[in-house]
Amino acid sequence: MKGIIGWARCPGSCGEWIQGAKEGIPFLIGCPVNRFVEARAKIHFAGPQAMDESPLAQGEGDWLWKLPEGKEKTRQALQRFVREYANRRQLSPSVVEIQMESQLQVGKGMASSTADMVAAVGAMAHALGISLGPEELANLVLAIEPSDPVMFHGVTEFAHRDGSFMRALGPRVEAHLLMLDGGGVLDTQTFNARGELSGHYRRNEQAIGYALSLFYEGLAQDDLEKIAKASTISAHCNQEINPKPLFEEFLAWVKARGGLGVITAHSGTLLAGVFPIQLPMAEQSKILRESHQRFCPNRVDWVQTCDGGVEGGIEDARRQSVRSC
């Protein structure tokens, strides 16, 4: 076998519906959206001479990697995958070339690192004929850093630091999200290493518990208003440790234009308005224009919630890439 190419695509997120602690255990409820990372993994079984020399090629044992610049976490995840899965199957060490295309902003709270790692590992697993479930992918990336549950389908409640629980809550919440970036970047590992975080979670555990009960009710009743109320409570709690300067003004503006609340990137910079899925395209365009004028953000964009989960397989020339989706 020479030059087998696997591919995988993973969605990012628009922050989290809820994030806090439950009985002292940090957790979050993910919000996957229709912005993706796609990875292609080309396995060169002929050995290192099959790939051109590059400063981006890095070795791990007898495996050799070539990845885009700045993807150190992805490289770590691939190395762990080789140790835990490929080597156990006595697969011959090979040269692996990873290509990636991303629609996700980095350092904003869109789960870009998680999606990078999941897509790259998923692509390599497909190329090698190894089947990985979402729990296995989650455990691989959690060994690198706290992560989002974008590898799961539907809505997932997730212990994002240690994976001690991964609970499927149901199908996706259907909503349009007006995603606002006020600027700056925030690293997930740096945020989760903050010494005051445990105290913040402890002080807000009662409010987060109430938000969680509202969220459960909203899912059971297909009531986006309750879900948005829950996410707004969680976002308000997050203001204590990761404040968004435009929070109160943006929340009032969103509600005045038919929105139901906000969702925030608890360890990022994004803030988004939650709007019904039935919002007409003309109204979306009007709200988008007004948001530019009112808030002068670094970036503002409409996104839509999606099912989450990873898709992939062996490369097929007829398949659309993420760029054309």
C-alpha atoms as a PDB file:
ATOM      1  CA  MET A   1       0.000   0.000   0.000  1.00  0.00           C
ATOM      2  CA  LYS A   2       1.338   3.427  -0.955  1.00  0.00           C
ATOM      3  CA  GLY A   3      -0.062   6.906  -0.624  1.00  0.00           C
ATOM      4  CA  ILE A   4      -3.391   6.100   1.024  1.00  0.00           C
ATOM      5  CA  ILE A   5      -5.277   9.295   1.916  1.00  0.00           C
ATOM      6  CA  GLY A   6      -7.819   9.428   4.723  1.00  0.00           C
ATOM      7  CA  TRP A   7      -9.975  12.461   5.442  1.00  0.00           C
ATOM      8  CA  ALA A   8     -12.066  13.641   8.350  1.00  0.00           C
ATOM      9  CA  ARG A   9     -14.130  16.702   9.127  1.00  0.00           C
ATOM     10  CA  CYS A  10     -15.001  18.015  12.593  1.00  0.00           C
ATOM     11  CA  PRO A  11     -17.166  21.006  13.520  1.00  0.00           C
ATOM     12  CA  GLY A  12     -16.114  23.800  15.797  1.00  0.00           C
ATOM     13  CA  SER A  13     -18.291  25.426  18.432  1.00  0.00           C
ATOM     14  CA  CYS A  14     -19.726  28.793  19.315  1.00  0.00           C
ATOM     15  CA  GLY A  15     -18.717  28.791  22.949  1.00  0.00           C
ATOM     16  CA  GLU A  16     -20.754  26.606  25.295  1.00  0.00           C
ATOM     17  CA  TRP A  17     -24.427  26.552  26.238  1.00  0.00           C
ATOM     18  CA  ILE A  18     -23.407  26.121  29.879  1.00  0.00           C
ATOM     19  CA  GLN A  19     -20.076  25.834  31.671  1.00  0.00           C
ATOM     20  CA  GLY A  20     -19.393  25.546  35.378  1.00  0.00           C
ATOM     21  CA  ALA A  21     -19.197  22.840  38.017  1.00  0.00           C
ATOM     22  CA  LYS A  22     -21.630  20.170  39.170  1.00  0.00           C
ATOM     23  CA  GLU A  23     -20.892  18.607  42.556  1.00  0.00           C
ATOM     24  CA  GLY A  24     -17.435  20.130  42.285  1.00  0.00           C
ATOM     25  CA  ILE A  25     -16.673  18.626  38.861  1.00  0.00           C
ATOM     26  CA  PRO A  26     -16.056  21.124  36.042  1.00  0.00           C
ATOM     27  CA  PHE A  27     -18.271  20.457  33.025  1.00  0.00           C
ATOM     28  CA  LEU A  28     -19.727  22.098  29.955  1.00  0.00           C
ATOM     29  CA  ILE A  29     -22.472  21.578  27.400  1.00  0.00           C
ATOM     30  CA  GLY A  30     -21.116  21.989  23.900  1.00  0.00           C
ATOM     31  CA  CYS A  31     -22.633  24.004  21.074  1.00  0.00           C
ATOM     32  CA  PRO A  32     -21.333  22.662  17.728  1.00  0.00           C
ATOM     33  CA  VAL A  33     -21.905  24.932  14.738  1.00  0.00           C
ATOM     34  CA  ASN A  34     -21.582  24.764  10.968  1.00  0.00           C
ATOM     35  CA  ARG A  35     -17.966  25.870  10.798  1.00  0.00           C
ATOM     36  CA  PHE A  36     -15.465  23.068  10.267  1.00  0.00           C
ATOM     37  CA  VAL A  37     -11.911  21.809  10.218  1.00  0.00           C
ATOM     38  CA  GLU A  38     -11.087  19.252   7.550  1.00  0.00           C
ATOM     39  CA  ALA A  39      -7.915  17.201   7.561  1.00  0.00           C
ATOM     40  CA  ARG A  40      -6.312  14.904   4.996  1.00  0.00           C
ATOM     41  CA  ALA A  41      -3.770  12.331   6.140  1.00  0.00           C
ATOM     42  CA  LYS A  42      -1.574  10.838   3.445  1.00  0.00           C
ATOM     43  CA  ILE A  43       0.262   7.717   4.571  1.00  0.00           C
ATOM     44  CA  HIS A  44       3.512   7.138   2.675  1.00  0.00           C
ATOM     45  CA  PHE A  45       4.356   3.479   3.256  1.00  0.00           C
ATOM     46  CA  ALA A  46       7.470   3.716   1.085  1.00  0.00           C
ATOM     47  CA  GLY A  47       9.460   5.438   3.864  1.00  0.00           C
ATOM     48  CA  PRO A  48      10.857   8.940   4.440  1.00  0.00           C
ATOM     49  CA  GLN A  49      12.270   9.222   0.941  1.00  0.00           C
ATOM     50  CA  ALA A  50       8.675   9.359  -0.342  1.00  0.00           C
ATOM     51  CA  MET A  51       8.276  12.815   1.115  1.00  0.00           C
ATOM     52  CA  ASP A  52      10.264  15.935   0.336  1.00  0.00           C
ATOM     53  CA  GLU A  53      12.520  17.299   3.051  1.00  0.00           C
ATOM     54  CA  SER A  54      10.874  20.001   5.120  1.00  0.00           C
ATOM     55  CA  PRO A  55      11.538  21.841   8.369  1.00  0.00           C
ATOM     56  CA  LEU A  56       7.972  20.924   9.327  1.00  0.00           C
ATOM     57  CA  ALA A  57       8.760  17.194   9.298  1.00  0.00           C
ATOM     58  CA  GLN A  58       9.153  15.871  12.840  1.00  0.00           C
ATOM     59  CA  GLY A  59       9.933  12.383  14.010  1.00  0.00           C
ATOM     60  CA  GLU A  60       8.325  10.237  16.698  1.00  0.00           C
ATOM     61  CA  GLY A  61      10.109   6.935  17.057  1.00  0.00           C
ATOM     62  CA  ASP A  62      10.131   5.464  13.575  1.00  0.00           C
ATOM     63  CA  TRP A  63       7.171   7.589  12.424  1.00  0.00           C
ATOM     64  CA  LEU A  64       7.753  10.846  10.589  1.00  0.00           C
ATOM     65  CA  TRP A  65       5.219  13.690  10.515  1.00  0.00           C
ATOM     66  CA  LYS A  66       4.700  16.646   8.251  1.00  0.00           C
ATOM     67  CA  LEU A  67       2.120  19.093   9.587  1.00  0.00           C
ATOM     68  CA  PRO A  68       1.150  22.710   8.990  1.00  0.00           C
ATOM     69  CA  GLU A  69       3.105  25.184  11.061  1.00  0.00           C
ATOM     70  CA  GLY A  70       1.837  25.902  14.578  1.00  0.00           C
ATOM     71  CA  LYS A  71      -0.011  22.598  15.062  1.00  0.00           C
ATOM     72  CA  GLU A  72       1.934  21.295  18.068  1.00  0.00           C
ATOM     73  CA  LYS A  73      -1.187  20.045  19.888  1.00  0.00           C
ATOM     74  CA  THR A  74      -2.235  18.174  16.761  1.00  0.00           C
ATOM     75  CA  ARG A  75       1.194  16.549  16.543  1.00  0.00           C
ATOM     76  CA  GLN A  76       0.921  15.438  20.189  1.00  0.00           C
ATOM     77  CA  ALA A  77      -2.517  13.932  19.546  1.00  0.00           C
ATOM     78  CA  LEU A  78      -1.229  12.031  16.494  1.00  0.00           C
ATOM     79  CA  GLN A  79       1.718  10.688  18.463  1.00  0.00           C
ATOM     80  CA  ARG A  80      -0.611   9.479  21.207  1.00  0.00           C
ATOM     81  CA  PHE A  81      -2.850   7.846  18.603  1.00  0.00           C
ATOM     82  CA  VAL A  82       0.147   5.974  17.173  1.00  0.00           C
ATOM     83  CA  ARG A  83       1.234   4.759  20.604  1.00  0.00           C
ATOM     84  CA  GLU A  84      -2.234   3.676  21.721  1.00  0.00           C
ATOM     85  CA  TYR A  85      -3.685   2.302  18.483  1.00  0.00           C
ATOM     86  CA  ALA A  86      -1.351   1.968  15.491  1.00  0.00           C
ATOM     87  CA  ASN A  87       1.585   0.378  17.331  1.00  0.00           C
ATOM     88  CA  ARG A  88      -0.679  -2.093  19.126  1.00  0.00           C
ATOM     89  CA  ARG A  89      -1.830  -3.346  15.733  1.00  0.00           C
ATOM     90  CA  GLN A  90       1.818  -3.779  14.714  1.00  0.00           C
ATOM     91  CA  LEU A  91       1.432  -1.408  11.783  1.00  0.00           C
ATOM     92  CA  SER A  92       4.706  -0.547  10.112  1.00  0.00           C
ATOM     93  CA  PRO A  93       6.001   2.947  10.934  1.00  0.00           C
ATOM     94  CA  SER A  94       5.324   5.314   8.068  1.00  0.00           C
ATOM     95  CA  VAL A  95       5.595   8.870   6.890  1.00  0.00           C
ATOM     96  CA  VAL A  96       2.409  10.863   7.511  1.00  0.00           C
ATOM     97  CA  GLU A  97       1.606  14.118   5.742  1.00  0.00           C
ATOM     98  CA  ILE A  98      -1.264  16.119   7.251  1.00  0.00           C
ATOM     99  CA  GLN A  99      -3.053  18.837   5.304  1.00  0.00           C
ATOM    100  CA  MET A 100      -5.686  20.981   7.020  1.00  0.00           C
ATOM    101  CA  GLU A 101      -8.329  23.506   6.024  1.00  0.00           C
ATOM    102  CA  SER A 102     -10.157  25.438   8.734  1.00  0.00           C
ATOM    103  CA  GLN A 103     -13.099  27.800   8.992  1.00  0.00           C
ATOM    104  CA  LEU A 104     -12.468  28.374  12.709  1.00  0.00           C
ATOM    105  CA  GLN A 105     -10.945  31.402  14.372  1.00  0.00           C
ATOM    106  CA  VAL A 106      -8.110  30.554  16.768  1.00  0.00           C
ATOM    107  CA  GLY A 107      -8.088  31.655  20.416  1.00  0.00           C
ATOM    108  CA  LYS A 108     -11.702  32.824  20.301  1.00  0.00           C
ATOM    109  CA  GLY A 109     -13.656  29.955  21.848  1.00  0.00           C
ATOM    110  CA  MET A 110     -14.566  27.982  18.709  1.00  0.00           C
ATOM    111  CA  ALA A 111     -12.881  24.736  19.848  1.00  0.00           C
ATOM    112  CA  SER A 112     -10.288  25.188  17.114  1.00  0.00           C
ATOM    113  CA  SER A 113      -7.581  23.112  18.860  1.00  0.00           C
ATOM    114  CA  THR A 114      -9.998  20.284  19.650  1.00  0.00           C
ATOM    115  CA  ALA A 115     -11.367  20.247  16.100  1.00  0.00           C
ATOM    116  CA  ASP A 116      -7.826  20.289  14.664  1.00  0.00           C
ATOM    117  CA  MET A 117      -6.796  17.292  16.760  1.00  0.00           C
ATOM    118  CA  VAL A 118      -9.991  15.319  16.151  1.00  0.00           C
ATOM    119  CA  ALA A 119      -9.953  15.917  12.386  1.00  0.00           C
ATOM    120  CA  ALA A 120      -6.269  14.997  12.014  1.00  0.00           C
ATOM    121  CA  VAL A 121      -6.507  11.853  14.154  1.00  0.00           C
ATOM    122  CA  GLY A 122      -9.763  10.890  12.432  1.00  0.00           C
ATOM    123  CA  ALA A 123      -8.171  11.264   8.992  1.00  0.00           C
ATOM    124  CA  MET A 124      -5.188   9.151   9.975  1.00  0.00           C
ATOM    125  CA  ALA A 125      -7.426   6.500  11.548  1.00  0.00           C
ATOM    126  CA  HIS A 126      -9.438   6.236   8.316  1.00  0.00           C
ATOM    127  CA  ALA A 127      -6.254   5.941   6.251  1.00  0.00           C
ATOM    128  CA  LEU A 128      -5.026   3.088   8.467  1.00  0.00           C
ATOM    129  CA  GLY A 129      -8.419   1.353   8.673  1.00  0.00           C
ATOM    130  CA  ILE A 130      -8.745   1.907  12.428  1.00  0.00           C
ATOM    131  CA  SER A 131     -12.216   2.606  13.828  1.00  0.00           C
ATOM    132  CA  LEU A 132     -12.425   5.205  16.606  1.00  0.00           C
ATOM    133  CA  GLY A 133     -15.581   6.148  18.477  1.00  0.00           C
ATOM    134  CA  PRO A 134     -16.252   9.606  19.932  1.00  0.00           C
ATOM    135  CA  GLU A 135     -15.286   8.486  23.446  1.00  0.00           C
ATOM    136  CA  GLU A 136     -11.894   7.283  22.207  1.00  0.00           C
ATOM    137  CA  LEU A 137     -11.326  10.541  20.321  1.00  0.00           C
ATOM    138  CA  ALA A 138     -12.357  12.525  23.398  1.00  0.00           C
ATOM    139  CA  ASN A 139      -9.903  10.672  25.625  1.00  0.00           C
ATOM    140  CA  LEU A 140      -7.088  11.231  23.143  1.00  0.00           C
ATOM    141  CA  VAL A 141      -7.554  14.993  23.029  1.00  0.00           C
ATOM    142  CA  LEU A 142      -8.253  15.317  26.771  1.00  0.00           C
ATOM    143  CA  ALA A 143      -4.776  13.917  27.352  1.00  0.00           C
ATOM    144  CA  ILE A 144      -3.477  17.061  25.615  1.00  0.00           C
ATOM    145  CA  GLU A 145      -5.744  19.798  27.024  1.00  0.00           C
ATOM    146  CA  PRO A 146      -9.287  20.500  28.305  1.00  0.00           C
ATOM    147  CA  SER A 147     -11.548  20.041  25.314  1.00  0.00           C
ATOM    148  CA  ASP A 148     -14.994  20.462  23.800  1.00  0.00           C
ATOM    149  CA  PRO A 149     -17.353  17.565  22.940  1.00  0.00           C
ATOM    150  CA  VAL A 150     -17.531  18.416  19.219  1.00  0.00           C
ATOM    151  CA  MET A 151     -16.667  14.808  18.360  1.00  0.00           C
ATOM    152  CA  PHE A 152     -20.084  13.679  19.689  1.00  0.00           C
ATOM    153  CA  HIS A 153     -23.356  13.876  17.803  1.00  0.00           C
ATOM    154  CA  GLY A 154     -26.106  16.000  19.285  1.00  0.00           C
ATOM    155  CA  VAL A 155     -25.931  17.869  22.586  1.00  0.00           C
ATOM    156  CA  THR A 156     -23.388  16.508  25.051  1.00  0.00           C
ATOM    157  CA  GLU A 157     -22.733  17.249  28.718  1.00  0.00           C
ATOM    158  CA  PHE A 158     -19.027  16.770  29.154  1.00  0.00           C
ATOM    159  CA  ALA A 159     -16.449  16.810  31.947  1.00  0.00           C
ATOM    160  CA  HIS A 160     -14.077  18.851  29.828  1.00  0.00           C
ATOM    161  CA  ARG A 161     -10.972  18.443  31.983  1.00  0.00           C
ATOM    162  CA  ASP A 162     -10.820  14.736  32.765  1.00  0.00           C
ATOM    163  CA  GLY A 163     -13.636  13.108  30.782  1.00  0.00           C
ATOM    164  CA  SER A 164     -15.106  11.571  33.958  1.00  0.00           C
ATOM    165  CA  PHE A 165     -18.527  11.816  32.361  1.00  0.00           C
ATOM    166  CA  MET A 166     -19.725  12.207  28.775  1.00  0.00           C
ATOM    167  CA  ARG A 167     -23.518  12.314  28.709  1.00  0.00           C
ATOM    168  CA  ALA A 168     -25.623  12.512  25.555  1.00  0.00           C
ATOM    169  CA  LEU A 169     -28.603  14.811  26.176  1.00  0.00           C
ATOM    170  CA  GLY A 170     -30.365  14.608  22.829  1.00  0.00           C
ATOM    171  CA  PRO A 171     -30.317  15.955  19.272  1.00  0.00           C
ATOM    172  CA  ARG A 172     -28.971  19.396  18.428  1.00  0.00           C
ATOM    173  CA  VAL A 173     -30.627  22.581  19.571  1.00  0.00           C
ATOM    174  CA  GLU A 174     -31.770  24.322  16.384  1.00  0.00           C
ATOM    175  CA  ALA A 175     -30.848  28.007  16.434  1.00  0.00           C
ATOM    176  CA  HIS A 176     -29.196  30.827  14.551  1.00  0.00           C
ATOM    177  CA  LEU A 177     -26.348  32.471  16.446  1.00  0.00           C
ATOM    178  CA  LEU A 178     -25.065  35.979  15.754  1.00  0.00           C
ATOM    179  CA  MET A 179     -21.404  35.557  16.694  1.00  0.00           C
ATOM    180  CA  LEU A 180     -19.565  38.693  17.811  1.00  0.00           C
ATOM    181  CA  ASP A 181     -15.805  38.925  18.384  1.00  0.00           C
ATOM    182  CA  GLY A 182     -14.699  41.864  20.474  1.00  0.00           C
ATOM    183  CA  GLY A 183     -11.010  41.170  19.884  1.00  0.00           C
ATOM    184  CA  GLY A 184      -8.128  39.489  21.660  1.00  0.00           C
ATOM    185  CA  VAL A 185      -7.263  35.814  22.057  1.00  0.00           C
ATOM    186  CA  LEU A 186      -7.436  33.419  24.981  1.00  0.00           C
ATOM    187  CA  ASP A 187      -5.651  30.071  25.265  1.00  0.00           C
ATOM    188  CA  THR A 188      -7.695  27.184  26.687  1.00  0.00           C
ATOM    189  CA  GLN A 189      -4.834  25.724  28.713  1.00  0.00           C
ATOM    190  CA  THR A 190      -3.942  29.107  30.193  1.00  0.00           C
ATOM    191  CA  PHE A 191      -7.556  29.795  31.167  1.00  0.00           C
ATOM    192  CA  ASN A 192      -8.066  26.402  32.793  1.00  0.00           C
ATOM    193  CA  ALA A 193      -4.817  26.758  34.748  1.00  0.00           C
ATOM    194  CA  ARG A 194      -6.013  29.925  36.500  1.00  0.00           C
ATOM    195  CA  GLY A 195      -5.872  29.473  40.264  1.00  0.00           C
ATOM    196  CA  GLU A 196      -9.089  31.419  40.888  1.00  0.00           C
ATOM    197  CA  LEU A 197     -11.161  29.233  38.555  1.00  0.00           C
ATOM    198  CA  SER A 198     -12.126  26.650  41.194  1.00  0.00           C
ATOM    199  CA  GLY A 199     -13.389  29.400  43.492  1.00  0.00           C
ATOM    200  CA  HIS A 200     -15.369  30.925  40.637  1.00  0.00           C
ATOM    201  CA  TYR A 201     -17.016  27.587  39.899  1.00  0.00           C
ATOM    202  CA  ARG A 202     -17.804  27.053  43.584  1.00  0.00           C
ATOM    203  CA  ARG A 203     -19.409  30.486  44.027  1.00  0.00           C
ATOM    204  CA  ASN A 204     -21.596  30.032  40.951  1.00  0.00           C
ATOM    205  CA  GLU A 205     -22.518  26.356  41.327  1.00  0.00           C
ATOM    206  CA  GLN A 206     -26.057  27.105  42.537  1.00  0.00           C
ATOM    207  CA  ALA A 207     -26.769  29.456  39.619  1.00  0.00           C
ATOM    208  CA  ILE A 208     -25.286  26.967  37.167  1.00  0.00           C
ATOM    209  CA  GLY A 209     -27.433  24.217  38.703  1.00  0.00           C
ATOM    210  CA  TYR A 210     -30.533  26.320  38.038  1.00  0.00           C
ATOM    211  CA  ALA A 211     -29.361  27.009  34.482  1.00  0.00           C
ATOM    212  CA  LEU A 212     -28.800  23.299  33.956  1.00  0.00           C
ATOM    213  CA  SER A 213     -32.327  22.416  35.102  1.00  0.00           C
ATOM    214  CA  LEU A 214     -33.735  25.054  32.727  1.00  0.00           C
ATOM    215  CA  PHE A 215     -31.622  23.663  29.910  1.00  0.00           C
ATOM    216  CA  TYR A 216     -32.894  20.110  30.542  1.00  0.00           C
ATOM    217  CA  GLU A 217     -36.484  21.399  30.495  1.00  0.00           C
ATOM    218  CA  GLY A 218     -35.850  23.319  27.306  1.00  0.00           C
ATOM    219  CA  LEU A 219     -34.457  20.239  25.569  1.00  0.00           C
ATOM    220  CA  ALA A 220     -37.340  18.046  26.726  1.00  0.00           C
ATOM    221  CA  GLN A 221     -39.931  20.619  25.608  1.00  0.00           C
ATOM    222  CA  ASP A 222     -38.110  21.777  22.463  1.00  0.00           C
ATOM    223  CA  ASP A 223     -38.225  25.270  23.975  1.00  0.00           C
ATOM    224  CA  LEU A 224     -35.408  27.479  22.672  1.00  0.00           C
ATOM    225  CA  GLU A 225     -36.467  30.327  24.966  1.00  0.00           C
ATOM    226  CA  LYS A 226     -35.701  28.241  28.067  1.00  0.00           C
ATOM    227  CA  ILE A 227     -32.426  27.038  26.560  1.00  0.00           C
ATOM    228  CA  ALA A 228     -31.394  30.616  25.773  1.00  0.00           C
ATOM    229  CA  LYS A 229     -32.342  31.714  29.296  1.00  0.00           C
ATOM    230  CA  ALA A 230     -30.097  28.950  30.659  1.00  0.00           C
ATOM    231  CA  SER A 231     -27.184  29.940  28.418  1.00  0.00           C
ATOM    232  CA  THR A 232     -27.624  33.600  29.399  1.00  0.00           C
ATOM    233  CA  ILE A 233     -27.405  32.720  33.101  1.00  0.00           C
ATOM    234  CA  SER A 234     -24.180  30.787  32.461  1.00  0.00           C
ATOM    235  CA  ALA A 235     -22.782  33.621  30.340  1.00  0.00           C
ATOM    236  CA  HIS A 236     -23.599  36.113  33.090  1.00  0.00           C
ATOM    237  CA  CYS A 237     -21.751  33.957  35.657  1.00  0.00           C
ATOM    238  CA  ASN A 238     -18.763  33.854  33.325  1.00  0.00           C
ATOM    239  CA  GLN A 239     -18.565  37.640  33.378  1.00  0.00           C
ATOM    240  CA  GLU A 240     -16.967  37.310  36.808  1.00  0.00           C
ATOM    241  CA  ILE A 241     -13.850  35.616  35.466  1.00  0.00           C
ATOM    242  CA  ASN A 242     -13.836  36.290  31.701  1.00  0.00           C
ATOM    243  CA  PRO A 243     -15.761  39.538  31.176  1.00  0.00           C
ATOM    244  CA  LYS A 244     -16.992  40.673  27.772  1.00  0.00           C
ATOM    245  CA  PRO A 245     -17.160  44.490  27.847  1.00  0.00           C
ATOM    246  CA  LEU A 246     -20.217  44.646  25.551  1.00  0.00           C
ATOM    247  CA  PHE A 247     -22.193  41.992  27.446  1.00  0.00           C
ATOM    248  CA  GLU A 248     -25.111  43.983  28.901  1.00  0.00           C
ATOM    249  CA  GLU A 249     -25.500  46.265  25.908  1.00  0.00           C
ATOM    250  CA  PHE A 250     -25.341  43.360  23.459  1.00  0.00           C
ATOM    251  CA  LEU A 251     -27.831  41.277  25.469  1.00  0.00           C
ATOM    252  CA  ALA A 252     -30.386  44.105  25.545  1.00  0.00           C
ATOM    253  CA  TRP A 253     -29.868  44.768  21.821  1.00  0.00           C
ATOM    254  CA  VAL A 254     -30.311  41.079  20.939  1.00  0.00           C
ATOM    255  CA  LYS A 255     -33.584  40.831  22.878  1.00  0.00           C
ATOM    256  CA  ALA A 256     -34.886  44.040  21.290  1.00  0.00           C
ATOM    257  CA  ARG A 257     -34.433  42.424  17.874  1.00  0.00           C
ATOM    258  CA  GLY A 258     -36.235  39.176  18.577  1.00  0.00           C
ATOM    259  CA  GLY A 259     -33.350  37.248  20.076  1.00  0.00           C
ATOM    260  CA  LEU A 260     -33.869  35.080  23.126  1.00  0.00           C
ATOM    261  CA  GLY A 261     -30.574  35.503  24.980  1.00  0.00           C
ATOM    262  CA  VAL A 262     -26.852  35.035  24.560  1.00  0.00           C
ATOM    263  CA  ILE A 263     -24.257  32.286  24.571  1.00  0.00           C
ATOM    264  CA  THR A 264     -20.623  32.949  25.443  1.00  0.00           C
ATOM    265  CA  ALA A 265     -17.222  31.391  24.941  1.00  0.00           C
ATOM    266  CA  HIS A 266     -16.444  30.772  28.614  1.00  0.00           C
ATOM    267  CA  SER A 267     -12.724  30.370  27.903  1.00  0.00           C
ATOM    268  CA  GLY A 268     -12.650  32.564  24.794  1.00  0.00           C
ATOM    269  CA  THR A 269     -13.558  35.990  23.450  1.00  0.00           C
ATOM    270  CA  LEU A 270     -16.783  35.301  21.531  1.00  0.00           C
ATOM    271  CA  LEU A 271     -20.289  36.374  22.517  1.00  0.00           C
ATOM    272  CA  ALA A 272     -23.313  35.410  20.439  1.00  0.00           C
ATOM    273  CA  GLY A 273     -26.991  36.218  20.285  1.00  0.00           C
ATOM    274  CA  VAL A 274     -29.426  33.295  20.209  1.00  0.00           C
ATOM    275  CA  PHE A 275     -32.180  33.631  17.590  1.00  0.00           C
ATOM    276  CA  PRO A 276     -34.945  31.251  16.427  1.00  0.00           C
ATOM    277  CA  ILE A 277     -34.112  28.994  13.513  1.00  0.00           C
ATOM    278  CA  GLN A 278     -37.108  30.453  11.612  1.00  0.00           C
ATOM    279  CA  LEU A 279     -35.502  33.922  11.438  1.00  0.00           C
ATOM    280  CA  PRO A 280     -35.919  35.098   7.803  1.00  0.00           C
ATOM    281  CA  MET A 281     -32.819  35.714   5.706  1.00  0.00           C
ATOM    282  CA  ALA A 282     -33.784  39.355   5.138  1.00  0.00           C
ATOM    283  CA  GLU A 283     -33.995  39.933   8.880  1.00  0.00           C
ATOM    284  CA  GLN A 284     -30.638  38.230   9.368  1.00  0.00           C
ATOM    285  CA  SER A 285     -29.053  40.616   6.864  1.00  0.00           C
ATOM    286  CA  LYS A 286     -30.617  43.626   8.576  1.00  0.00           C
ATOM    287  CA  ILE A 287     -29.436  42.533  12.042  1.00  0.00           C
ATOM    288  CA  LEU A 288     -25.947  41.811  10.726  1.00  0.00           C
ATOM    289  CA  ARG A 289     -25.620  45.279   9.213  1.00  0.00           C
ATOM    290  CA  GLU A 290     -26.873  46.939  12.364  1.00  0.00           C
ATOM    291  CA  SER A 291     -24.510  44.936  14.576  1.00  0.00           C
ATOM    292  CA  HIS A 292     -21.542  46.199  12.545  1.00  0.00           C
ATOM    293  CA  GLN A 293     -22.670  49.788  12.999  1.00  0.00           C
ATOM    294  CA  ARG A 294     -23.587  49.469  16.677  1.00  0.00           C
ATOM    295  CA  PHE A 295     -20.689  47.457  18.097  1.00  0.00           C
ATOM    296  CA  CYS A 296     -17.832  47.865  15.574  1.00  0.00           C
ATOM    297  CA  PRO A 297     -16.599  44.330  16.306  1.00  0.00           C
ATOM    298  CA  ASN A 298     -13.428  42.726  14.995  1.00  0.00           C
ATOM    299  CA  ARG A 299     -15.716  40.242  13.331  1.00  0.00           C
ATOM    300  CA  VAL A 300     -19.419  39.398  13.305  1.00  0.00           C
ATOM    301  CA  ASP A 301     -21.022  36.464  11.539  1.00  0.00           C
ATOM    302  CA  TRP A 302     -24.133  34.331  11.489  1.00  0.00           C
ATOM    303  CA  VAL A 303     -23.598  30.657  12.272  1.00  0.00           C
ATOM    304  CA  GLN A 304     -26.073  27.850  12.750  1.00  0.00           C
ATOM    305  CA  THR A 305     -26.018  25.008  15.227  1.00  0.00           C
ATOM    306  CA  CYS A 306     -25.219  21.605  13.752  1.00  0.00           C
ATOM    307  CA  ASP A 307     -25.352  17.961  14.774  1.00  0.00           C
ATOM    308  CA  GLY A 308     -21.703  17.639  15.767  1.00  0.00           C
ATOM    309  CA  GLY A 309     -19.683  14.477  15.321  1.00  0.00           C
ATOM    310  CA  VAL A 310     -16.946  13.493  12.902  1.00  0.00           C
ATOM    311  CA  GLU A 311     -17.363  12.323   9.344  1.00  0.00           C
ATOM    312  CA  GLY A 312     -14.658  10.912   7.137  1.00  0.00           C
ATOM    313  CA  GLY A 313     -13.319   8.054   5.080  1.00  0.00           C
ATOM    314  CA  ILE A 314     -10.864   7.309   2.294  1.00  0.00           C
ATOM    315  CA  GLU A 315     -10.263  10.237  -0.053  1.00  0.00           C
ATOM    316  CA  ASP A 316     -12.663  10.449  -2.999  1.00  0.00           C
ATOM    317  CA  ALA A 317     -12.083  13.044  -5.702  1.00  0.00           C
ATOM    318  CA  ARG A 318     -15.838  13.578  -5.985  1.00  0.00           C
ATOM    319  CA  ARG A 319     -16.201  14.653  -2.340  1.00  0.00           C
ATOM    320  CA  GLN A 320     -16.545  18.364  -1.555  1.00  0.00           C
ATOM    321  CA  SER A 321     -13.896  19.912   0.668  1.00  0.00           C
ATOM    322  CA  VAL A 322     -14.694  22.138   3.637  1.00  0.00           C
ATOM    323  CA  ARG A 323     -13.945  25.187   1.489  1.00  0.00           C
ATOM    324  CA  SER A 324     -16.884  24.436  -0.788  1.00  0.00           C
ATOM    325  CA  CYS A 325     -19.381  23.550   1.955  1.00  0.00           C
END
